């Protein structure tokens, strides 16, 4: 299972230990992805990628917590922030790839 799903299922069961483990897994997954992307492309510094992904992890957790508490107004706000962050991540990745292969994109 993926870490977000693990978090949601643990939350539904009220299992704080599993929620914490899933949150740690999400953070570890983000670090691994940032390491991979930065090693594949010098235009994608690990700390920058990790910052975007870390924000995304935090938003997943905040969204789930808002749903669990029945605060759907907050969930909607968090969803909007997540969507904006995904566009930021996409733009950063696309920009890094375009810089790495300028003859392919210009």
N, C-alpha and C. Protein backbone atom coordinates (compact mmCIF):
# COMPACT_ATOMS: atom_id res chain seq x y z
N UNK A 1 0.83 -1.18 0.00
CA UNK A 1 0.00 0.00 0.00
C UNK A 1 0.88 1.25 0.00
N UNK A 2 0.31 2.33 -0.46
CA UNK A 2 1.09 3.56 -0.43
C UNK A 2 0.91 4.27 0.91
N UNK A 3 1.80 5.20 1.18
CA UNK A 3 1.85 5.84 2.49
C UNK A 3 0.60 6.67 2.78
N UNK A 4 0.07 7.36 1.78
CA UNK A 4 -1.13 8.18 2.00
C UNK A 4 -2.31 7.28 2.36
N UNK A 5 -2.46 6.20 1.64
CA UNK A 5 -3.54 5.25 1.94
C UNK A 5 -3.34 4.66 3.34
N UNK A 6 -2.10 4.30 3.67
CA UNK A 6 -1.81 3.77 5.01
C UNK A 6 -2.23 4.77 6.09
N UNK A 7 -1.94 6.05 5.84
CA UNK A 7 -2.28 7.09 6.81
C UNK A 7 -3.81 7.17 6.98
N UNK A 8 -4.50 7.19 5.86
CA UNK A 8 -5.96 7.29 5.91
C UNK A 8 -6.59 6.10 6.63
N UNK A 9 -6.12 4.90 6.32
CA UNK A 9 -6.68 3.71 6.97
C UNK A 9 -6.38 3.70 8.46
N UNK A 10 -5.16 4.09 8.82
CA UNK A 10 -4.80 4.14 10.25
C UNK A 10 -5.65 5.19 10.97
N UNK A 11 -5.90 6.30 10.30
CA UNK A 11 -6.71 7.35 10.90
C UNK A 11 -8.14 6.86 11.13
N UNK A 12 -8.68 6.16 10.15
CA UNK A 12 -10.04 5.62 10.29
C UNK A 12 -10.15 4.66 11.47
N UNK A 13 -9.06 3.94 11.74
CA UNK A 13 -9.04 2.98 12.84
C UNK A 13 -8.61 3.61 14.17
N UNK A 14 -8.21 4.89 14.11
CA UNK A 14 -7.74 5.56 15.32
C UNK A 14 -6.40 5.03 15.82
N UNK A 15 -5.60 4.51 14.92
CA UNK A 15 -4.30 3.92 15.27
C UNK A 15 -3.19 4.95 15.11
N UNK A 16 -2.88 5.66 16.19
CA UNK A 16 -1.90 6.74 16.14
C UNK A 16 -0.51 6.24 15.76
N UNK A 17 -0.13 5.07 16.23
CA UNK A 17 1.19 4.54 15.91
C UNK A 17 1.33 4.30 14.40
N UNK A 18 0.29 3.73 13.80
CA UNK A 18 0.32 3.49 12.35
C UNK A 18 0.23 4.79 11.57
N UNK A 19 -0.51 5.77 12.08
CA UNK A 19 -0.56 7.08 11.43
C UNK A 19 0.84 7.71 11.42
N UNK A 20 1.50 7.66 12.57
CA UNK A 20 2.85 8.22 12.65
C UNK A 20 3.81 7.49 11.73
N UNK A 21 3.69 6.17 11.66
CA UNK A 21 4.55 5.39 10.78
C UNK A 21 4.29 5.75 9.32
N UNK A 22 3.03 5.92 8.98
CA UNK A 22 2.68 6.28 7.59
C UNK A 22 3.18 7.69 7.26
N UNK A 23 3.07 8.62 8.20
CA UNK A 23 3.58 9.97 7.97
C UNK A 23 5.10 9.93 7.77
N UNK A 24 5.78 9.13 8.55
CA UNK A 24 7.23 8.98 8.40
C UNK A 24 7.56 8.36 7.04
N UNK A 25 6.74 7.41 6.61
CA UNK A 25 6.94 6.77 5.31
C UNK A 25 6.74 7.79 4.18
N UNK A 26 5.73 8.66 4.31
CA UNK A 26 5.52 9.70 3.30
C UNK A 26 6.75 10.61 3.21
N UNK A 27 7.27 10.99 4.36
CA UNK A 27 8.45 11.86 4.40
C UNK A 27 9.65 11.15 3.78
N UNK A 28 9.83 9.88 4.10
CA UNK A 28 10.94 9.10 3.54
C UNK A 28 10.79 8.97 2.02
N UNK A 29 9.56 8.72 1.56
CA UNK A 29 9.32 8.62 0.12
C UNK A 29 9.68 9.93 -0.58
N UNK A 30 9.31 11.05 0.02
CA UNK A 30 9.65 12.35 -0.54
C UNK A 30 11.15 12.57 -0.62
N UNK A 31 11.85 12.17 0.43
CA UNK A 31 13.31 12.29 0.43
C UNK A 31 13.94 11.42 -0.65
N UNK A 32 13.45 10.20 -0.80
CA UNK A 32 13.98 9.31 -1.84
C UNK A 32 13.72 9.86 -3.24
N UNK A 33 12.53 10.40 -3.45
CA UNK A 33 12.21 10.97 -4.75
C UNK A 33 13.05 12.21 -5.03
N UNK A 34 13.23 13.05 -4.03
CA UNK A 34 14.06 14.24 -4.20
C UNK A 34 15.50 13.86 -4.51
N UNK A 35 16.01 12.82 -3.86
CA UNK A 35 17.36 12.34 -4.12
C UNK A 35 17.47 11.84 -5.56
N UNK A 36 16.51 11.06 -5.99
CA UNK A 36 16.52 10.53 -7.37
C UNK A 36 16.49 11.66 -8.39
N UNK A 37 15.55 12.58 -8.23
CA UNK A 37 15.40 13.65 -9.21
C UNK A 37 16.63 14.56 -9.25
N UNK A 38 17.18 14.88 -8.10
CA UNK A 38 18.35 15.76 -8.08
C UNK A 38 19.59 15.06 -8.62
N UNK A 39 19.66 13.75 -8.47
CA UNK A 39 20.82 13.03 -9.03
C UNK A 39 20.68 12.88 -10.54
N UNK A 40 19.46 12.87 -11.04
CA UNK A 40 19.23 12.73 -12.48
C UNK A 40 19.31 14.06 -13.21
N UNK A 41 19.12 15.16 -12.47
CA UNK A 41 19.08 16.46 -13.13
C UNK A 41 19.70 17.52 -12.22
N UNK A 42 20.83 18.10 -12.63
CA UNK A 42 21.51 19.09 -11.79
C UNK A 42 20.70 20.38 -11.62
N UNK A 43 19.67 20.57 -12.41
CA UNK A 43 18.82 21.76 -12.31
C UNK A 43 17.70 21.59 -11.29
N UNK A 44 17.67 20.46 -10.63
CA UNK A 44 16.67 20.18 -9.61
C UNK A 44 17.38 19.91 -8.28
N UNK A 45 17.76 20.98 -7.57
CA UNK A 45 18.45 20.78 -6.30
C UNK A 45 17.58 20.01 -5.31
N UNK A 46 18.22 19.08 -4.62
CA UNK A 46 17.47 18.21 -3.72
C UNK A 46 16.66 19.01 -2.70
N UNK A 47 17.25 20.01 -2.09
CA UNK A 47 16.52 20.76 -1.06
C UNK A 47 15.29 21.45 -1.62
N UNK A 48 15.37 21.95 -2.84
CA UNK A 48 14.20 22.60 -3.46
C UNK A 48 13.10 21.58 -3.73
N UNK A 49 13.48 20.45 -4.31
CA UNK A 49 12.49 19.40 -4.59
C UNK A 49 11.89 18.88 -3.29
N UNK A 50 12.75 18.68 -2.29
CA UNK A 50 12.27 18.18 -1.01
C UNK A 50 11.31 19.17 -0.35
N UNK A 51 11.56 20.44 -0.53
CA UNK A 51 10.66 21.46 0.01
C UNK A 51 9.27 21.34 -0.60
N UNK A 52 9.20 21.21 -1.92
CA UNK A 52 7.90 21.05 -2.58
C UNK A 52 7.19 19.79 -2.12
N UNK A 53 7.96 18.69 -2.07
CA UNK A 53 7.35 17.41 -1.70
C UNK A 53 6.96 17.39 -0.22
N UNK A 54 7.77 18.01 0.62
CA UNK A 54 7.44 18.08 2.04
C UNK A 54 6.15 18.84 2.28
N UNK A 55 5.98 19.92 1.53
CA UNK A 55 4.72 20.67 1.63
C UNK A 55 3.55 19.80 1.19
N UNK A 56 3.75 19.02 0.16
CA UNK A 56 2.69 18.16 -0.34
C UNK A 56 2.30 17.10 0.71
N UNK A 57 3.30 16.52 1.36
CA UNK A 57 3.03 15.55 2.43
C UNK A 57 2.22 16.21 3.55
N UNK A 58 2.65 17.38 3.96
CA UNK A 58 1.95 18.09 5.03
C UNK A 58 0.51 18.40 4.63
N UNK A 59 0.31 18.72 3.37
CA UNK A 59 -1.04 19.02 2.89
C UNK A 59 -1.92 17.77 2.88
N UNK A 60 -1.35 16.63 2.50
CA UNK A 60 -2.12 15.38 2.56
C UNK A 60 -2.59 15.12 3.99
N UNK A 61 -1.68 15.29 4.93
CA UNK A 61 -2.03 15.04 6.33
C UNK A 61 -3.08 16.04 6.81
N UNK A 62 -2.90 17.30 6.48
CA UNK A 62 -3.87 18.32 6.89
C UNK A 62 -5.24 18.06 6.28
N UNK A 63 -5.25 17.63 5.03
CA UNK A 63 -6.52 17.34 4.37
C UNK A 63 -7.24 16.19 5.07
N UNK A 64 -6.51 15.13 5.34
CA UNK A 64 -7.11 13.97 6.00
C UNK A 64 -7.62 14.35 7.39
N UNK A 65 -6.83 15.14 8.11
CA UNK A 65 -7.25 15.56 9.45
C UNK A 65 -8.51 16.41 9.39
N UNK A 66 -8.62 17.26 8.37
CA UNK A 66 -9.82 18.09 8.22
C UNK A 66 -11.03 17.22 7.93
N UNK A 67 -10.88 16.22 7.07
CA UNK A 67 -11.99 15.31 6.77
C UNK A 67 -12.39 14.54 8.03
N UNK A 68 -11.38 14.05 8.75
CA UNK A 68 -11.66 13.25 9.95
C UNK A 68 -12.41 14.05 11.01
N UNK A 69 -12.14 15.34 11.06
CA UNK A 69 -12.81 16.17 12.06
C UNK A 69 -14.12 16.77 11.55
N UNK A 70 -14.45 16.47 10.28
CA UNK A 70 -15.68 16.99 9.70
C UNK A 70 -15.60 18.45 9.29
N UNK A 71 -14.40 18.98 9.22
CA UNK A 71 -14.20 20.38 8.84
C UNK A 71 -14.00 20.46 7.32
N UNK A 72 -15.10 20.40 6.60
CA UNK A 72 -15.03 20.33 5.14
C UNK A 72 -14.63 21.66 4.51
N UNK A 73 -14.88 22.74 5.21
CA UNK A 73 -14.43 24.04 4.71
C UNK A 73 -12.89 24.07 4.69
N UNK A 74 -12.29 23.58 5.77
CA UNK A 74 -10.82 23.52 5.82
C UNK A 74 -10.29 22.52 4.80
N UNK A 75 -10.99 21.43 4.63
CA UNK A 75 -10.55 20.44 3.63
C UNK A 75 -10.53 21.06 2.24
N UNK A 76 -11.54 21.85 1.92
CA UNK A 76 -11.59 22.50 0.61
C UNK A 76 -10.44 23.48 0.43
N UNK A 77 -10.12 24.22 1.48
CA UNK A 77 -8.98 25.14 1.41
C UNK A 77 -7.67 24.38 1.23
N UNK A 78 -7.54 23.28 1.95
CA UNK A 78 -6.33 22.47 1.84
C UNK A 78 -6.23 21.87 0.44
N UNK A 79 -7.35 21.42 -0.10
CA UNK A 79 -7.34 20.88 -1.46
C UNK A 79 -6.85 21.92 -2.46
N UNK A 80 -7.32 23.15 -2.32
CA UNK A 80 -6.87 24.22 -3.20
C UNK A 80 -5.38 24.45 -3.08
N UNK A 81 -4.86 24.43 -1.87
CA UNK A 81 -3.41 24.59 -1.67
C UNK A 81 -2.64 23.42 -2.26
N UNK A 82 -3.18 22.22 -2.12
CA UNK A 82 -2.53 21.03 -2.70
C UNK A 82 -2.48 21.15 -4.22
N UNK A 83 -3.56 21.58 -4.81
CA UNK A 83 -3.61 21.72 -6.26
C UNK A 83 -2.58 22.75 -6.73
N UNK A 84 -2.51 23.87 -6.05
CA UNK A 84 -1.54 24.90 -6.38
C UNK A 84 -0.11 24.36 -6.24
N UNK A 85 0.13 23.60 -5.19
CA UNK A 85 1.46 23.03 -4.97
C UNK A 85 1.82 22.02 -6.05
N UNK A 86 0.86 21.23 -6.50
CA UNK A 86 1.13 20.27 -7.58
C UNK A 86 1.55 21.00 -8.84
N UNK A 87 0.89 22.12 -9.13
CA UNK A 87 1.29 22.91 -10.31
C UNK A 87 2.70 23.47 -10.13
N UNK A 88 3.03 23.89 -8.92
CA UNK A 88 4.38 24.39 -8.64
C UNK A 88 5.42 23.29 -8.84
N UNK A 89 5.11 22.11 -8.33
CA UNK A 89 6.02 20.97 -8.50
C UNK A 89 6.17 20.64 -9.99
N UNK A 90 5.06 20.58 -10.69
CA UNK A 90 5.10 20.27 -12.13
C UNK A 90 5.91 21.29 -12.91
N UNK A 91 5.70 22.55 -12.60
CA UNK A 91 6.45 23.61 -13.29
C UNK A 91 7.94 23.51 -13.00
N UNK A 92 8.29 23.25 -11.75
CA UNK A 92 9.70 23.13 -11.38
C UNK A 92 10.36 21.94 -12.10
N UNK A 93 9.67 20.82 -12.12
CA UNK A 93 10.22 19.63 -12.79
C UNK A 93 10.36 19.87 -14.29
N UNK A 94 9.32 20.43 -14.90
CA UNK A 94 9.37 20.71 -16.34
C UNK A 94 10.47 21.72 -16.65
N UNK A 95 10.61 22.74 -15.82
CA UNK A 95 11.66 23.72 -16.03
C UNK A 95 13.05 23.12 -15.91
N UNK A 96 13.23 22.24 -14.95
CA UNK A 96 14.52 21.56 -14.79
C UNK A 96 14.85 20.68 -15.97
N UNK A 97 13.86 19.99 -16.49
CA UNK A 97 14.08 19.14 -17.66
C UNK A 97 14.39 19.99 -18.88
N UNK A 98 13.67 21.09 -19.06
CA UNK A 98 13.92 21.97 -20.20
C UNK A 98 15.33 22.57 -20.14
N UNK A 99 15.79 22.90 -18.94
CA UNK A 99 17.15 23.42 -18.79
C UNK A 99 18.19 22.34 -19.07
N UNK A 100 17.88 21.12 -18.69
CA UNK A 100 18.82 20.02 -18.90
C UNK A 100 18.94 19.67 -20.38
N UNK A 101 17.86 19.81 -21.10
CA UNK A 101 17.83 19.46 -22.53
C UNK A 101 17.30 20.63 -23.34
N UNK A 102 18.02 21.75 -23.38
CA UNK A 102 17.49 22.96 -24.02
C UNK A 102 17.23 22.79 -25.53
N UNK A 103 18.00 21.97 -26.19
CA UNK A 103 17.80 21.78 -27.63
C UNK A 103 16.53 21.01 -27.94
N UNK A 104 16.00 20.32 -26.97
CA UNK A 104 14.79 19.53 -27.17
C UNK A 104 13.53 20.38 -26.97
N UNK A 105 13.66 21.50 -26.26
CA UNK A 105 12.48 22.26 -25.88
C UNK A 105 12.46 23.68 -26.40
N UNK A 106 13.49 24.11 -27.06
CA UNK A 106 13.53 25.49 -27.55
C UNK A 106 13.42 25.53 -29.05
